Amino acid sequence: VQLVESGGGLVQPGGSLRLSCAASGFTFSNYPMSWYRQAPGKERELVARIINTGSSTYYADSVKGRFTISRGNDKNTVYLQMNNLKPEDTAVYYCNLFLVRNYWGQGTQVTVSS
């Protein structure tokens, strides 16, 4: 299993970013995928999850209405569209697969600052 995130960066409050996670080494279309984040000094937390077909999603209350998770099963990729970003969204964002155990990507840094 390999998960490779991209798309992070520095953005001003109110701005947008789109994260991508390219997956390989398993049958992507069979499994739910998730995005987590970890801010300095805090525990890693679940941000959003999408089932294998993409027809059902879950969001943490803190991002509901601002973030959208989606997936392209033809591209083995899961996305996180982040709008109206706030300084408290600053964190390292990780793509996650649970298949017997947790698999994580290397993470991508998102910094929201003026």
N, C-alpha and C. Protein backbone atom coordinates (compact mmCIF):
# COMPACT_ATOMS: atom_id res chain seq x y z
N VAL A 1 0.85 -1.19 0.00
CA VAL A 1 0.00 0.00 0.00
C VAL A 1 0.88 1.24 0.00
N GLN A 2 0.53 2.18 -0.87
CA GLN A 2 1.22 3.46 -0.88
C GLN A 2 0.19 4.57 -1.03
N LEU A 3 0.33 5.58 -0.19
CA LEU A 3 -0.54 6.75 -0.22
C LEU A 3 0.35 7.98 -0.32
N VAL A 4 0.10 8.82 -1.33
CA VAL A 4 0.96 9.99 -1.56
C VAL A 4 0.08 11.23 -1.66
N GLU A 5 0.22 12.10 -0.65
CA GLU A 5 -0.56 13.33 -0.62
C GLU A 5 0.16 14.45 -1.35
N SER A 6 -0.62 15.39 -1.85
CA SER A 6 -0.07 16.60 -2.48
C SER A 6 -1.11 17.70 -2.37
N GLY A 7 -0.66 18.93 -2.63
CA GLY A 7 -1.58 20.05 -2.70
C GLY A 7 -1.56 21.01 -1.54
N GLY A 8 -0.79 20.71 -0.51
CA GLY A 8 -0.72 21.62 0.62
C GLY A 8 0.04 22.89 0.28
N GLY A 9 0.03 23.82 1.25
CA GLY A 9 0.76 25.06 1.03
C GLY A 9 0.34 26.12 2.02
N LEU A 10 0.76 27.34 1.73
CA LEU A 10 0.43 28.51 2.55
C LEU A 10 -0.70 29.27 1.87
N VAL A 11 -1.73 29.57 2.64
CA VAL A 11 -2.89 30.28 2.09
C VAL A 11 -3.39 31.28 3.14
N GLN A 12 -3.96 32.36 2.67
CA GLN A 12 -4.51 33.36 3.58
C GLN A 12 -5.87 32.90 4.11
N PRO A 13 -6.27 33.39 5.27
CA PRO A 13 -7.61 33.08 5.77
C PRO A 13 -8.67 33.43 4.73
N GLY A 14 -9.64 32.51 4.61
CA GLY A 14 -10.68 32.68 3.59
C GLY A 14 -10.34 32.05 2.26
N GLY A 15 -9.11 31.62 2.11
CA GLY A 15 -8.68 31.02 0.85
C GLY A 15 -9.06 29.55 0.73
N SER A 16 -8.62 28.96 -0.38
CA SER A 16 -8.96 27.57 -0.68
C SER A 16 -7.72 26.79 -1.08
N LEU A 17 -7.78 25.49 -0.82
CA LEU A 17 -6.77 24.54 -1.28
C LEU A 17 -7.48 23.24 -1.63
N ARG A 18 -6.88 22.49 -2.55
CA ARG A 18 -7.38 21.16 -2.87
C ARG A 18 -6.26 20.16 -2.67
N LEU A 19 -6.48 19.25 -1.73
CA LEU A 19 -5.51 18.19 -1.48
C LEU A 19 -5.86 16.97 -2.32
N SER A 20 -4.84 16.24 -2.73
CA SER A 20 -5.02 14.99 -3.45
C SER A 20 -4.22 13.89 -2.75
N CYS A 21 -4.72 12.68 -2.87
CA CYS A 21 -4.01 11.51 -2.34
C CYS A 21 -4.07 10.41 -3.39
N ALA A 22 -2.92 10.10 -3.96
CA ALA A 22 -2.83 9.04 -4.96
C ALA A 22 -2.53 7.72 -4.25
N ALA A 23 -3.37 6.73 -4.49
CA ALA A 23 -3.27 5.45 -3.79
C ALA A 23 -2.85 4.34 -4.74
N SER A 24 -2.12 3.37 -4.22
CA SER A 24 -1.72 2.21 -5.01
C SER A 24 -1.45 1.03 -4.08
N GLY A 25 -1.44 -0.16 -4.67
CA GLY A 25 -1.11 -1.35 -3.91
C GLY A 25 -2.30 -2.09 -3.34
N PHE A 26 -3.49 -1.63 -3.63
CA PHE A 26 -4.71 -2.31 -3.19
C PHE A 26 -5.84 -1.93 -4.14
N THR A 27 -6.97 -2.61 -4.01
CA THR A 27 -8.11 -2.33 -4.89
C THR A 27 -8.85 -1.12 -4.33
N PHE A 28 -8.48 0.03 -4.84
CA PHE A 28 -8.95 1.31 -4.29
C PHE A 28 -10.47 1.40 -4.21
N SER A 29 -11.15 0.93 -5.22
CA SER A 29 -12.61 1.10 -5.29
C SER A 29 -13.36 0.25 -4.28
N ASN A 30 -12.67 -0.60 -3.54
CA ASN A 30 -13.32 -1.46 -2.54
C ASN A 30 -13.35 -0.88 -1.14
N TYR A 31 -12.63 0.22 -0.90
CA TYR A 31 -12.42 0.66 0.48
C TYR A 31 -12.78 2.12 0.72
N PRO A 32 -13.32 2.40 1.93
CA PRO A 32 -13.46 3.81 2.34
C PRO A 32 -12.09 4.45 2.48
N MET A 33 -12.06 5.76 2.31
CA MET A 33 -10.83 6.52 2.48
C MET A 33 -11.11 7.70 3.38
N SER A 34 -10.09 8.15 4.08
CA SER A 34 -10.25 9.23 5.04
C SER A 34 -9.13 10.25 4.93
N TRP A 35 -9.43 11.44 5.40
CA TRP A 35 -8.42 12.48 5.63
C TRP A 35 -8.39 12.77 7.13
N TYR A 36 -7.19 12.81 7.68
CA TYR A 36 -6.95 13.21 9.06
C TYR A 36 -6.03 14.44 9.03
N ARG A 37 -5.95 15.11 10.18
CA ARG A 37 -4.99 16.19 10.32
C ARG A 37 -4.42 16.19 11.73
N GLN A 38 -3.22 16.74 11.82
CA GLN A 38 -2.57 16.86 13.12
C GLN A 38 -1.90 18.22 13.22
N ALA A 39 -2.38 19.01 14.16
CA ALA A 39 -1.80 20.32 14.42
C ALA A 39 -0.70 20.18 15.48
N PRO A 40 0.24 21.12 15.53
CA PRO A 40 1.32 21.03 16.51
C PRO A 40 0.79 20.90 17.93
N GLY A 41 1.28 19.91 18.66
CA GLY A 41 0.89 19.73 20.05
C GLY A 41 -0.47 19.10 20.25
N LYS A 42 -1.12 18.69 19.16
CA LYS A 42 -2.45 18.09 19.27
C LYS A 42 -2.46 16.68 18.71
N GLU A 43 -3.48 15.93 19.06
CA GLU A 43 -3.63 14.59 18.54
C GLU A 43 -4.15 14.64 17.10
N ARG A 44 -3.84 13.57 16.37
CA ARG A 44 -4.36 13.45 15.02
C ARG A 44 -5.88 13.28 15.10
N GLU A 45 -6.60 13.98 14.22
CA GLU A 45 -8.06 13.92 14.27
C GLU A 45 -8.63 13.64 12.88
N LEU A 46 -9.76 12.95 12.87
CA LEU A 46 -10.45 12.66 11.63
C LEU A 46 -11.11 13.92 11.09
N VAL A 47 -10.90 14.21 9.83
CA VAL A 47 -11.49 15.38 9.18
C VAL A 47 -12.68 14.97 8.33
N ALA A 48 -12.49 13.95 7.49
CA ALA A 48 -13.55 13.55 6.57
C ALA A 48 -13.32 12.11 6.13
N ARG A 49 -14.41 11.45 5.77
CA ARG A 49 -14.35 10.06 5.29
C ARG A 49 -15.34 9.88 4.16
N ILE A 50 -15.00 9.02 3.22
CA ILE A 50 -15.88 8.74 2.09
C ILE A 50 -15.91 7.23 1.86
N ILE A 51 -17.11 6.70 1.63
CA ILE A 51 -17.20 5.25 1.41
C ILE A 51 -16.69 4.89 0.02
N ASN A 52 -16.61 3.61 -0.25
CA ASN A 52 -15.95 3.18 -1.47
C ASN A 52 -16.62 3.67 -2.74
N THR A 53 -17.95 3.78 -2.73
CA THR A 53 -18.65 4.24 -3.94
C THR A 53 -18.68 5.75 -4.05
N GLY A 54 -18.38 6.44 -2.96
CA GLY A 54 -18.45 7.89 -2.96
C GLY A 54 -19.81 8.45 -2.63
N SER A 55 -20.78 7.58 -2.38
CA SER A 55 -22.16 8.03 -2.21
C SER A 55 -22.48 8.49 -0.79
N SER A 56 -21.58 8.28 0.14
CA SER A 56 -21.81 8.71 1.52
C SER A 56 -20.51 9.26 2.09
N THR A 57 -20.65 10.35 2.84
CA THR A 57 -19.48 11.01 3.42
C THR A 57 -19.75 11.37 4.87
N TYR A 58 -18.65 11.62 5.59
CA TYR A 58 -18.71 12.07 6.98
C TYR A 58 -17.74 13.24 7.12
N TYR A 59 -18.13 14.24 7.92
CA TYR A 59 -17.26 15.38 8.20
C TYR A 59 -17.22 15.68 9.68
N ALA A 60 -16.07 16.07 10.17
CA ALA A 60 -15.98 16.61 11.51
C ALA A 60 -16.77 17.91 11.58
N ASP A 61 -17.34 18.19 12.72
CA ASP A 61 -18.14 19.41 12.86
C ASP A 61 -17.35 20.66 12.52
N SER A 62 -16.07 20.63 12.82
CA SER A 62 -15.24 21.82 12.63
C SER A 62 -15.04 22.19 11.16
N VAL A 63 -15.30 21.25 10.25
CA VAL A 63 -15.07 21.53 8.81
C VAL A 63 -16.34 21.42 7.99
N LYS A 64 -17.42 21.00 8.62
CA LYS A 64 -18.67 20.80 7.89
C LYS A 64 -19.10 22.10 7.21
N GLY A 65 -19.48 22.00 5.94
CA GLY A 65 -19.89 23.17 5.18
C GLY A 65 -18.75 23.91 4.51
N ARG A 66 -17.51 23.58 4.86
CA ARG A 66 -16.34 24.24 4.25
C ARG A 66 -15.48 23.27 3.45
N PHE A 67 -15.41 22.03 3.88
CA PHE A 67 -14.58 21.02 3.21
C PHE A 67 -15.46 20.02 2.48
N THR A 68 -14.95 19.50 1.38
CA THR A 68 -15.64 18.47 0.62
C THR A 68 -14.67 17.37 0.25
N ILE A 69 -15.01 16.14 0.64
CA ILE A 69 -14.20 14.98 0.26
C ILE A 69 -14.84 14.33 -0.96
N SER A 70 -14.02 13.88 -1.87
CA SER A 70 -14.51 13.19 -3.07
C SER A 70 -13.44 12.19 -3.51
N ARG A 71 -13.81 11.36 -4.45
CA ARG A 71 -12.86 10.36 -4.94
C ARG A 71 -13.07 10.08 -6.40
N GLY A 72 -12.00 9.69 -7.05
CA GLY A 72 -12.06 9.25 -8.43
C GLY A 72 -11.57 7.82 -8.49
N ASN A 73 -12.47 6.87 -8.51
CA ASN A 73 -12.06 5.47 -8.49
C ASN A 73 -11.34 5.07 -9.77
N ASP A 74 -11.57 5.84 -10.85
CA ASP A 74 -10.85 5.57 -12.08
C ASP A 74 -9.40 6.03 -12.01
N LYS A 75 -9.12 6.94 -11.08
CA LYS A 75 -7.77 7.49 -10.93
C LYS A 75 -7.10 7.06 -9.62
N ASN A 76 -7.80 6.22 -8.85
CA ASN A 76 -7.25 5.78 -7.55
C ASN A 76 -6.81 6.98 -6.69
N THR A 77 -7.65 7.99 -6.66
CA THR A 77 -7.30 9.22 -5.97
C THR A 77 -8.47 9.71 -5.12
N VAL A 78 -8.14 10.20 -3.93
CA VAL A 78 -9.13 10.83 -3.07
C VAL A 78 -8.72 12.29 -2.90
N TYR A 79 -9.72 13.17 -2.83
CA TYR A 79 -9.49 14.60 -2.79
C TYR A 79 -10.10 15.22 -1.53
N LEU A 80 -9.57 16.36 -1.15
CA LEU A 80 -10.17 17.16 -0.09
C LEU A 80 -10.15 18.61 -0.55
N GLN A 81 -11.31 19.11 -0.92
CA GLN A 81 -11.46 20.53 -1.28
C GLN A 81 -11.73 21.31 -0.01
N MET A 82 -10.87 22.28 0.26
CA MET A 82 -10.98 23.05 1.50
C MET A 82 -11.22 24.51 1.13
N ASN A 83 -12.38 25.02 1.53
CA ASN A 83 -12.75 26.41 1.26
C ASN A 83 -12.88 27.18 2.56
N ASN A 84 -12.84 28.49 2.45
CA ASN A 84 -12.99 29.37 3.61
C ASN A 84 -12.07 28.92 4.75
N LEU A 85 -10.82 28.74 4.42
CA LEU A 85 -9.85 28.23 5.40
C LEU A 85 -9.63 29.22 6.53
N LYS A 86 -9.42 28.65 7.71
CA LYS A 86 -9.21 29.44 8.92
C LYS A 86 -7.84 29.10 9.51
N PRO A 87 -7.28 29.99 10.31
CA PRO A 87 -5.98 29.69 10.92
C PRO A 87 -5.98 28.38 11.71
N GLU A 88 -7.11 28.04 12.31
CA GLU A 88 -7.18 26.79 13.08
C GLU A 88 -7.18 25.54 12.20
N ASP A 89 -7.24 25.70 10.89
CA ASP A 89 -7.10 24.56 9.98
C ASP A 89 -5.63 24.23 9.72
N THR A 90 -4.73 25.05 10.20
CA THR A 90 -3.31 24.79 10.03
C THR A 90 -2.93 23.46 10.67
N ALA A 91 -2.33 22.58 9.87
CA ALA A 91 -1.99 21.24 10.34
C ALA A 91 -1.29 20.48 9.21
N VAL A 92 -0.76 19.34 9.55
CA VAL A 92 -0.33 18.38 8.53
C VAL A 92 -1.53 17.47 8.25
N TYR A 93 -1.87 17.36 6.97
CA TYR A 93 -3.02 16.57 6.56
C TYR A 93 -2.54 15.23 6.00
N TYR A 94 -3.20 14.16 6.46
CA TYR A 94 -2.82 12.80 6.10
C TYR A 94 -3.97 12.06 5.44
N CYS A 95 -3.64 11.34 4.40
CA CYS A 95 -4.56 10.41 3.78
C CYS A 95 -4.50 9.10 4.56
N ASN A 96 -5.64 8.43 4.71
CA ASN A 96 -5.69 7.21 5.52
C ASN A 96 -6.53 6.12 4.87
N LEU A 97 -6.01 4.90 4.97
CA LEU A 97 -6.73 3.69 4.60
C LEU A 97 -6.68 2.75 5.80
N PHE A 98 -7.83 2.17 6.14
CA PHE A 98 -7.83 1.09 7.13
C PHE A 98 -8.10 -0.22 6.42
N LEU A 99 -7.08 -1.06 6.36
CA LEU A 99 -7.18 -2.38 5.74
C LEU A 99 -6.40 -3.32 6.66
N VAL A 100 -7.09 -3.92 7.57
CA VAL A 100 -6.50 -4.73 8.65
C VAL A 100 -5.79 -3.83 9.66
N ARG A 101 -5.06 -2.88 9.17
CA ARG A 101 -4.43 -1.87 10.03
C ARG A 101 -4.48 -0.54 9.31
N ASN A 102 -4.07 0.52 10.04
CA ASN A 102 -4.03 1.84 9.43
C ASN A 102 -2.82 2.00 8.53
N TYR A 103 -3.07 2.58 7.37
CA TYR A 103 -1.99 3.01 6.48
C TYR A 103 -2.09 4.52 6.34
N TRP A 104 -0.92 5.18 6.33
CA TRP A 104 -0.85 6.64 6.27
C TRP A 104 0.08 7.07 5.15
N GLY A 105 -0.25 8.22 4.56
CA GLY A 105 0.70 8.86 3.67
C GLY A 105 1.73 9.63 4.47
N GLN A 106 2.58 10.35 3.75
CA GLN A 106 3.66 11.10 4.41
C GLN A 106 3.16 12.43 4.97
N GLY A 107 1.97 12.83 4.55
CA GLY A 107 1.39 14.09 5.02
C GLY A 107 1.75 15.26 4.13
N THR A 108 0.87 16.27 4.14
CA THR A 108 1.12 17.51 3.42
C THR A 108 0.75 18.67 4.33
N GLN A 109 1.64 19.65 4.41
CA GLN A 109 1.45 20.76 5.35
C GLN A 109 0.48 21.79 4.76
N VAL A 110 -0.49 22.17 5.56
CA VAL A 110 -1.40 23.27 5.23
C VAL A 110 -1.22 24.35 6.30
N THR A 111 -0.88 25.55 5.85
CA THR A 111 -0.70 26.67 6.76
C THR A 111 -1.62 27.79 6.32
N VAL A 112 -2.46 28.22 7.25
CA VAL A 112 -3.41 29.31 6.98
C VAL A 112 -2.99 30.51 7.82
N SER A 113 -2.51 31.52 7.14
CA SER A 113 -1.96 32.68 7.86
C SER A 113 -1.95 33.88 6.94
N SER A 114 -2.15 35.04 7.55
CA SER A 114 -2.05 36.29 6.79
C SER A 114 -0.64 36.86 6.87
